[in-house]
Amino acid sequence: MTNDELIARQAKENAELRDELSLLKERIASAKKVLYCIGGPLNDNKLCYSNEQLSTFFSISEALEGSSSANH
């Protein structure tokens, strides 16, 4: 493989990874909107989730934020 081929392959992979990262960021933002929107469990809890359920939602939120305590 020549240097030009390697550079082209890496540039293509880099572009694909940027696209994937952008899509994942959009999905994270969408999930966070569900958690924090009006009526969302981590906003005003109009759906009356239990404390156990809220704890799960909080763990999901931490995972989306990349918080280390989400791994516990």
PDB file of N, CA and C in Angstrom:
ATOM      1  N   MET A   1       0.847  -1.174   0.000  1.00  0.00           N
ATOM      2  CA  MET A   1       0.000   0.000   0.000  1.00  0.00           C
ATOM      3  C   MET A   1       0.896   1.243   0.000  1.00  0.00           C
ATOM      4  N   THR A   2       0.564   2.152  -0.864  1.00  0.00           N
ATOM      5  CA  THR A   2       1.364   3.377  -0.945  1.00  0.00           C
ATOM      6  C   THR A   2       0.926   4.375   0.118  1.00  0.00           C
ATOM      7  N   ASN A   3       1.752   5.387   0.336  1.00  0.00           N
ATOM      8  CA  ASN A   3       1.410   6.429   1.299  1.00  0.00           C
ATOM      9  C   ASN A   3       0.112   7.136   0.908  1.00  0.00           C
ATOM     10  N   ASP A   4      -0.053   7.386  -0.383  1.00  0.00           N
ATOM     11  CA  ASP A   4      -1.279   8.058  -0.852  1.00  0.00           C
ATOM     12  C   ASP A   4      -2.516   7.214  -0.566  1.00  0.00           C
ATOM     13  N   GLU A   5      -2.408   5.903  -0.763  1.00  0.00           N
ATOM     14  CA  GLU A   5      -3.530   5.015  -0.472  1.00  0.00           C
ATOM     15  C   GLU A   5      -3.829   4.986   1.023  1.00  0.00           C
ATOM     16  N   LEU A   6      -2.795   4.954   1.821  1.00  0.00           N
ATOM     17  CA  LEU A   6      -2.970   4.950   3.270  1.00  0.00           C
ATOM     18  C   LEU A   6      -3.612   6.254   3.739  1.00  0.00           C
ATOM     19  N   ILE A   7      -3.146   7.371   3.214  1.00  0.00           N
ATOM     20  CA  ILE A   7      -3.720   8.670   3.576  1.00  0.00           C
ATOM     21  C   ILE A   7      -5.184   8.747   3.152  1.00  0.00           C
ATOM     22  N   ALA A   8      -5.485   8.260   1.961  1.00  0.00           N
ATOM     23  CA  ALA A   8      -6.867   8.274   1.480  1.00  0.00           C
ATOM     24  C   ALA A   8      -7.758   7.400   2.361  1.00  0.00           C
ATOM     25  N   ARG A   9      -7.266   6.235   2.739  1.00  0.00           N
ATOM     26  CA  ARG A   9      -8.029   5.334   3.603  1.00  0.00           C
ATOM     27  C   ARG A   9      -8.277   5.982   4.967  1.00  0.00           C
ATOM     28  N   GLN A  10      -7.241   6.596   5.535  1.00  0.00           N
ATOM     29  CA  GLN A  10      -7.382   7.241   6.831  1.00  0.00           C
ATOM     30  C   GLN A  10      -8.324   8.447   6.757  1.00  0.00           C
ATOM     31  N   ALA A  11      -8.254   9.201   5.675  1.00  0.00           N
ATOM     32  CA  ALA A  11      -9.147  10.351   5.507  1.00  0.00           C
ATOM     33  C   ALA A  11     -10.595   9.891   5.406  1.00  0.00           C
ATOM     34  N   LYS A  12     -10.836   8.805   4.683  1.00  0.00           N
ATOM     35  CA  LYS A  12     -12.194   8.262   4.554  1.00  0.00           C
ATOM     36  C   LYS A  12     -12.689   7.776   5.912  1.00  0.00           C
ATOM     37  N   GLU A  13     -11.852   7.055   6.638  1.00  0.00           N
ATOM     38  CA  GLU A  13     -12.226   6.551   7.952  1.00  0.00           C
ATOM     39  C   GLU A  13     -12.499   7.711   8.914  1.00  0.00           C
ATOM     40  N   ASN A  14     -11.666   8.733   8.850  1.00  0.00           N
ATOM     41  CA  ASN A  14     -11.843   9.904   9.702  1.00  0.00           C
ATOM     42  C   ASN A  14     -13.194  10.566   9.421  1.00  0.00           C
ATOM     43  N   ALA A  15     -13.544  10.726   8.157  1.00  0.00           N
ATOM     44  CA  ALA A  15     -14.826  11.340   7.792  1.00  0.00           C
ATOM     45  C   ALA A  15     -15.993  10.485   8.281  1.00  0.00           C
ATOM     46  N   GLU A  16     -15.883   9.173   8.138  1.00  0.00           N
ATOM     47  CA  GLU A  16     -16.939   8.274   8.606  1.00  0.00           C
ATOM     48  C   GLU A  16     -17.097   8.356  10.120  1.00  0.00           C
ATOM     49  N   LEU A  17     -15.982   8.415  10.835  1.00  0.00           N
ATOM     50  CA  LEU A  17     -16.040   8.509  12.294  1.00  0.00           C
ATOM     51  C   LEU A  17     -16.621   9.843  12.746  1.00  0.00           C
ATOM     52  N   ARG A  18     -16.308  10.920  12.044  1.00  0.00           N
ATOM     53  CA  ARG A  18     -16.898  12.226  12.368  1.00  0.00           C
ATOM     54  C   ARG A  18     -18.410  12.199  12.166  1.00  0.00           C
ATOM     55  N   ASP A  19     -18.848  11.576  11.070  1.00  0.00           N
ATOM     56  CA  ASP A  19     -20.286  11.455  10.822  1.00  0.00           C
ATOM     57  C   ASP A  19     -20.964  10.647  11.924  1.00  0.00           C
ATOM     58  N   GLU A  20     -20.340   9.542  12.313  1.00  0.00           N
ATOM     59  CA  GLU A  20     -20.897   8.695  13.365  1.00  0.00           C
ATOM     60  C   GLU A  20     -20.949   9.446  14.697  1.00  0.00           C
ATOM     61  N   LEU A  21     -19.896  10.175  15.013  1.00  0.00           N
ATOM     62  CA  LEU A  21     -19.856  10.955  16.242  1.00  0.00           C
ATOM     63  C   LEU A  21     -20.961  12.004  16.252  1.00  0.00           C
ATOM     64  N   SER A  22     -21.153  12.671  15.143  1.00  0.00           N
ATOM     65  CA  SER A  22     -22.209  13.676  15.040  1.00  0.00           C
ATOM     66  C   SER A  22     -23.579  13.054  15.275  1.00  0.00           C
ATOM     67  N   LEU A  23     -23.816  11.910  14.669  1.00  0.00           N
ATOM     68  CA  LEU A  23     -25.083  11.210  14.839  1.00  0.00           C
ATOM     69  C   LEU A  23     -25.285  10.788  16.297  1.00  0.00           C
ATOM     70  N   LEU A  24     -24.239  10.270  16.930  1.00  0.00           N
ATOM     71  CA  LEU A  24     -24.340   9.846  18.328  1.00  0.00           C
ATOM     72  C   LEU A  24     -24.614  11.038  19.250  1.00  0.00           C
ATOM     73  N   LYS A  25     -23.999  12.172  18.966  1.00  0.00           N
ATOM     74  CA  LYS A  25     -24.260  13.375  19.767  1.00  0.00           C
ATOM     75  C   LYS A  25     -25.720  13.805  19.627  1.00  0.00           C
ATOM     76  N   GLU A  26     -26.261  13.709  18.422  1.00  0.00           N
ATOM     77  CA  GLU A  26     -27.673  14.043  18.212  1.00  0.00           C
ATOM     78  C   GLU A  26     -28.575  13.096  18.999  1.00  0.00           C
ATOM     79  N   ARG A  27     -28.242  11.821  19.007  1.00  0.00           N
ATOM     80  CA  ARG A  27     -29.045  10.834  19.738  1.00  0.00           C
ATOM     81  C   ARG A  27     -28.980  11.074  21.246  1.00  0.00           C
ATOM     82  N   ILE A  28     -27.804  11.427  21.747  1.00  0.00           N
ATOM     83  CA  ILE A  28     -27.661  11.735  23.170  1.00  0.00           C
ATOM     84  C   ILE A  28     -28.508  12.944  23.525  1.00  0.00           C
ATOM     85  N   ALA A  29     -28.441  13.982  22.710  1.00  0.00           N
ATOM     86  CA  ALA A  29     -29.240  15.191  22.966  1.00  0.00           C
ATOM     87  C   ALA A  29     -30.724  14.855  22.966  1.00  0.00           C
ATOM     88  N   SER A  30     -31.145  14.009  22.045  1.00  0.00           N
ATOM     89  CA  SER A  30     -32.548  13.611  21.967  1.00  0.00           C
ATOM     90  C   SER A  30     -32.977  12.853  23.216  1.00  0.00           C
ATOM     91  N   ALA A  31     -32.140  11.929  23.678  1.00  0.00           N
ATOM     92  CA  ALA A  31     -32.458  11.162  24.884  1.00  0.00           C
ATOM     93  C   ALA A  31     -32.515  12.074  26.108  1.00  0.00           C
ATOM     94  N   LYS A  32     -31.599  13.030  26.205  1.00  0.00           N
ATOM     95  CA  LYS A  32     -31.601  13.954  27.332  1.00  0.00           C
ATOM     96  C   LYS A  32     -32.860  14.823  27.323  1.00  0.00           C
ATOM     97  N   LYS A  33     -33.342  15.185  26.145  1.00  0.00           N
ATOM     98  CA  LYS A  33     -34.579  15.965  26.053  1.00  0.00           C
ATOM     99  C   LYS A  33     -35.750  15.178  26.630  1.00  0.00           C
ATOM    100  N   VAL A  34     -35.790  13.885  26.387  1.00  0.00           N
ATOM    101  CA  VAL A  34     -36.854  13.044  26.936  1.00  0.00           C
ATOM    102  C   VAL A  34     -36.785  13.036  28.458  1.00  0.00           C
ATOM    103  N   LEU A  35     -35.583  12.972  28.999  1.00  0.00           N
ATOM    104  CA  LEU A  35     -35.420  12.914  30.448  1.00  0.00           C
ATOM    105  C   LEU A  35     -35.737  14.237  31.135  1.00  0.00           C
ATOM    106  N   TYR A  36     -35.468  15.351  30.459  1.00  0.00           N
ATOM    107  CA  TYR A  36     -35.575  16.654  31.113  1.00  0.00           C
ATOM    108  C   TYR A  36     -36.702  17.538  30.581  1.00  0.00           C
ATOM    109  N   CYS A  37     -37.475  17.058  29.621  1.00  0.00           N
ATOM    110  CA  CYS A  37     -38.544  17.879  29.058  1.00  0.00           C
ATOM    111  C   CYS A  37     -39.657  18.099  30.089  1.00  0.00           C
ATOM    112  N   ILE A  38     -40.578  19.000  29.781  1.00  0.00           N
ATOM    113  CA  ILE A  38     -41.735  19.206  30.653  1.00  0.00           C
ATOM    114  C   ILE A  38     -42.459  17.863  30.761  1.00  0.00           C
ATOM    115  N   GLY A  39     -42.672  17.412  31.968  1.00  0.00           N
ATOM    116  CA  GLY A  39     -43.290  16.110  32.198  1.00  0.00           C
ATOM    117  C   GLY A  39     -42.291  14.976  32.262  1.00  0.00           C
ATOM    118  N   GLY A  40     -41.031  15.260  31.934  1.00  0.00           N
ATOM    119  CA  GLY A  40     -40.002  14.227  31.956  1.00  0.00           C
ATOM    120  C   GLY A  40     -39.677  13.808  33.382  1.00  0.00           C
ATOM    121  N   PRO A  41     -39.205  12.596  33.566  1.00  0.00           N
ATOM    122  CA  PRO A  41     -38.967  12.068  34.906  1.00  0.00           C
ATOM    123  C   PRO A  41     -37.961  12.885  35.715  1.00  0.00           C
ATOM    124  N   LEU A  42     -36.999  13.512  35.061  1.00  0.00           N
ATOM    125  CA  LEU A  42     -36.000  14.257  35.821  1.00  0.00           C
ATOM    126  C   LEU A  42     -36.299  15.755  35.837  1.00  0.00           C
ATOM    127  N   ASN A  43     -37.519  16.122  35.439  1.00  0.00           N
ATOM    128  CA  ASN A  43     -37.939  17.511  35.528  1.00  0.00           C
ATOM    129  C   ASN A  43     -39.031  17.598  36.578  1.00  0.00           C
ATOM    130  N   ASP A  44     -40.284  17.439  36.179  1.00  0.00           N
ATOM    131  CA  ASP A  44     -41.369  17.573  37.159  1.00  0.00           C
ATOM    132  C   ASP A  44     -42.091  16.262  37.438  1.00  0.00           C
ATOM    133  N   ASN A  45     -41.680  15.164  36.799  1.00  0.00           N
ATOM    134  CA  ASN A  45     -42.181  13.821  37.086  1.00  0.00           C
ATOM    135  C   ASN A  45     -43.702  13.738  37.063  1.00  0.00           C
ATOM    136  N   LYS A  46     -44.327  14.339  36.053  1.00  0.00           N
ATOM    137  CA  LYS A  46     -45.787  14.294  35.935  1.00  0.00           C
ATOM    138  C   LYS A  46     -46.309  12.877  35.711  1.00  0.00           C
ATOM    139  N   LEU A  47     -45.438  11.997  35.283  1.00  0.00           N
ATOM    140  CA  LEU A  47     -45.865  10.614  35.041  1.00  0.00           C
ATOM    141  C   LEU A  47     -45.786   9.761  36.298  1.00  0.00           C
ATOM    142  N   CYS A  48     -45.379  10.369  37.411  1.00  0.00           N
ATOM    143  CA  CYS A  48     -45.374   9.725  38.737  1.00  0.00           C
ATOM    144  C   CYS A  48     -44.500   8.462  38.803  1.00  0.00           C
ATOM    145  N   TYR A  49     -43.276   8.578  38.315  1.00  0.00           N
ATOM    146  CA  TYR A  49     -42.351   7.457  38.433  1.00  0.00           C
ATOM    147  C   TYR A  49     -41.972   7.267  39.899  1.00  0.00           C
ATOM    148  N   SER A  50     -41.706   6.028  40.286  1.00  0.00           N
ATOM    149  CA  SER A  50     -41.273   5.725  41.655  1.00  0.00           C
ATOM    150  C   SER A  50     -39.823   6.183  41.842  1.00  0.00           C
ATOM    151  N   ASN A  51     -39.380   6.225  43.092  1.00  0.00           N
ATOM    152  CA  ASN A  51     -37.991   6.594  43.361  1.00  0.00           C
ATOM    153  C   ASN A  51     -37.016   5.623  42.707  1.00  0.00           C
ATOM    154  N   GLU A  52     -37.370   4.354  42.685  1.00  0.00           N
ATOM    155  CA  GLU A  52     -36.512   3.353  42.035  1.00  0.00           C
ATOM    156  C   GLU A  52     -36.408   3.631  40.535  1.00  0.00           C
ATOM    157  N   GLN A  53     -37.536   3.949  39.906  1.00  0.00           N
ATOM    158  CA  GLN A  53     -37.518   4.271  38.486  1.00  0.00           C
ATOM    159  C   GLN A  53     -36.734   5.557  38.229  1.00  0.00           C
ATOM    160  N   LEU A  54     -36.924   6.557  39.083  1.00  0.00           N
ATOM    161  CA  LEU A  54     -36.184   7.807  38.923  1.00  0.00           C
ATOM    162  C   LEU A  54     -34.682   7.566  39.051  1.00  0.00           C
ATOM    163  N   SER A  55     -34.297   6.664  39.934  1.00  0.00           N
ATOM    164  CA  SER A  55     -32.893   6.331  40.091  1.00  0.00           C
ATOM    165  C   SER A  55     -32.329   5.757  38.789  1.00  0.00           C
ATOM    166  N   THR A  56     -33.109   4.918  38.133  1.00  0.00           N
ATOM    167  CA  THR A  56     -32.688   4.353  36.849  1.00  0.00           C
ATOM    168  C   THR A  56     -32.540   5.458  35.807  1.00  0.00           C
ATOM    169  N   PHE A  57     -33.525   6.367  35.749  1.00  0.00           N
ATOM    170  CA  PHE A  57     -33.438   7.474  34.802  1.00  0.00           C
ATOM    171  C   PHE A  57     -32.220   8.352  35.096  1.00  0.00           C
ATOM    172  N   PHE A  58     -31.938   8.572  36.383  1.00  0.00           N
ATOM    173  CA  PHE A  58     -30.777   9.365  36.752  1.00  0.00           C
ATOM    174  C   PHE A  58     -29.493   8.670  36.295  1.00  0.00           C
ATOM    175  N   SER A  59     -29.433   7.356  36.439  1.00  0.00           N
ATOM    176  CA  SER A  59     -28.262   6.599  35.975  1.00  0.00           C
ATOM    177  C   SER A  59     -28.099   6.709  34.466  1.00  0.00           C
ATOM    178  N   ILE A  60     -29.215   6.683  33.746  1.00  0.00           N
ATOM    179  CA  ILE A  60     -29.171   6.852  32.293  1.00  0.00           C
ATOM    180  C   ILE A  60     -28.613   8.228  31.956  1.00  0.00           C
ATOM    181  N   SER A  61     -29.104   9.249  32.664  1.00  0.00           N
ATOM    182  CA  SER A  61     -28.623  10.608  32.437  1.00  0.00           C
ATOM    183  C   SER A  61     -27.126  10.712  32.686  1.00  0.00           C
ATOM    184  N   GLU A  62     -26.663  10.118  33.771  1.00  0.00           N
ATOM    185  CA  GLU A  62     -25.226  10.128  34.067  1.00  0.00           C
ATOM    186  C   GLU A  62     -24.428   9.439  32.979  1.00  0.00           C
ATOM    187  N   ALA A  63     -24.944   8.326  32.479  1.00  0.00           N
ATOM    188  CA  ALA A  63     -24.249   7.602  31.414  1.00  0.00           C
ATOM    189  C   ALA A  63     -24.168   8.454  30.152  1.00  0.00           C
ATOM    190  N   LEU A  64     -25.249   9.166  29.837  1.00  0.00           N
ATOM    191  CA  LEU A  64     -25.244  10.027  28.667  1.00  0.00           C
ATOM    192  C   LEU A  64     -24.254  11.171  28.808  1.00  0.00           C
ATOM    193  N   GLU A  65     -24.087  11.643  30.034  1.00  0.00           N
ATOM    194  CA  GLU A  65     -23.158  12.728  30.309  1.00  0.00           C
ATOM    195  C   GLU A  65     -21.720  12.224  30.411  1.00  0.00           C
ATOM    196  N   GLY A  66     -21.550  10.910  30.558  1.00  0.00           N
ATOM    197  CA  GLY A  66     -20.223  10.344  30.716  1.00  0.00           C
ATOM    198  C   GLY A  66     -19.730  10.375  32.136  1.00  0.00           C
ATOM    199  N   SER A  67     -20.662  10.497  33.082  1.00  0.00           N
ATOM    200  CA  SER A  67     -20.292  10.541  34.498  1.00  0.00           C
ATOM    201  C   SER A  67     -19.793   9.181  34.940  1.00  0.00           C
ATOM    202  N   SER A  68     -18.726   9.172  35.726  1.00  0.00           N
ATOM    203  CA  SER A  68     -18.130   7.909  36.168  1.00  0.00           C
ATOM    204  C   SER A  68     -19.007   7.145  37.132  1.00  0.00           C
ATOM    205  N   SER A  69     -19.899   7.829  37.860  1.00  0.00           N
ATOM    206  CA  SER A  69     -20.740   7.121  38.826  1.00  0.00           C
ATOM    207  C   SER A  69     -21.818   6.296  38.140  1.00  0.00           C
ATOM    208  N   ALA A  70     -22.029   6.486  36.844  1.00  0.00           N
ATOM    209  CA  ALA A  70     -23.016   5.702  36.106  1.00  0.00           C
ATOM    210  C   ALA A  70     -22.581   4.247  35.975  1.00  0.00           C
ATOM    211  N   ASN A  71     -21.308   3.981  36.218  1.00  0.00           N
ATOM    212  CA  ASN A  71     -20.801   2.615  36.092  1.00  0.00           C
ATOM    213  C   ASN A  71     -21.032   1.787  37.330  1.00  0.00           C
ATOM    214  N   HIS A  72     -21.548   2.388  38.390  1.00  0.00           N
ATOM    215  CA  HIS A  72     -21.749   1.655  39.652  1.00  0.00           C
ATOM    216  C   HIS A  72     -23.102   1.028  39.738  1.00  0.00           C
TER     217      HIS A  72
END
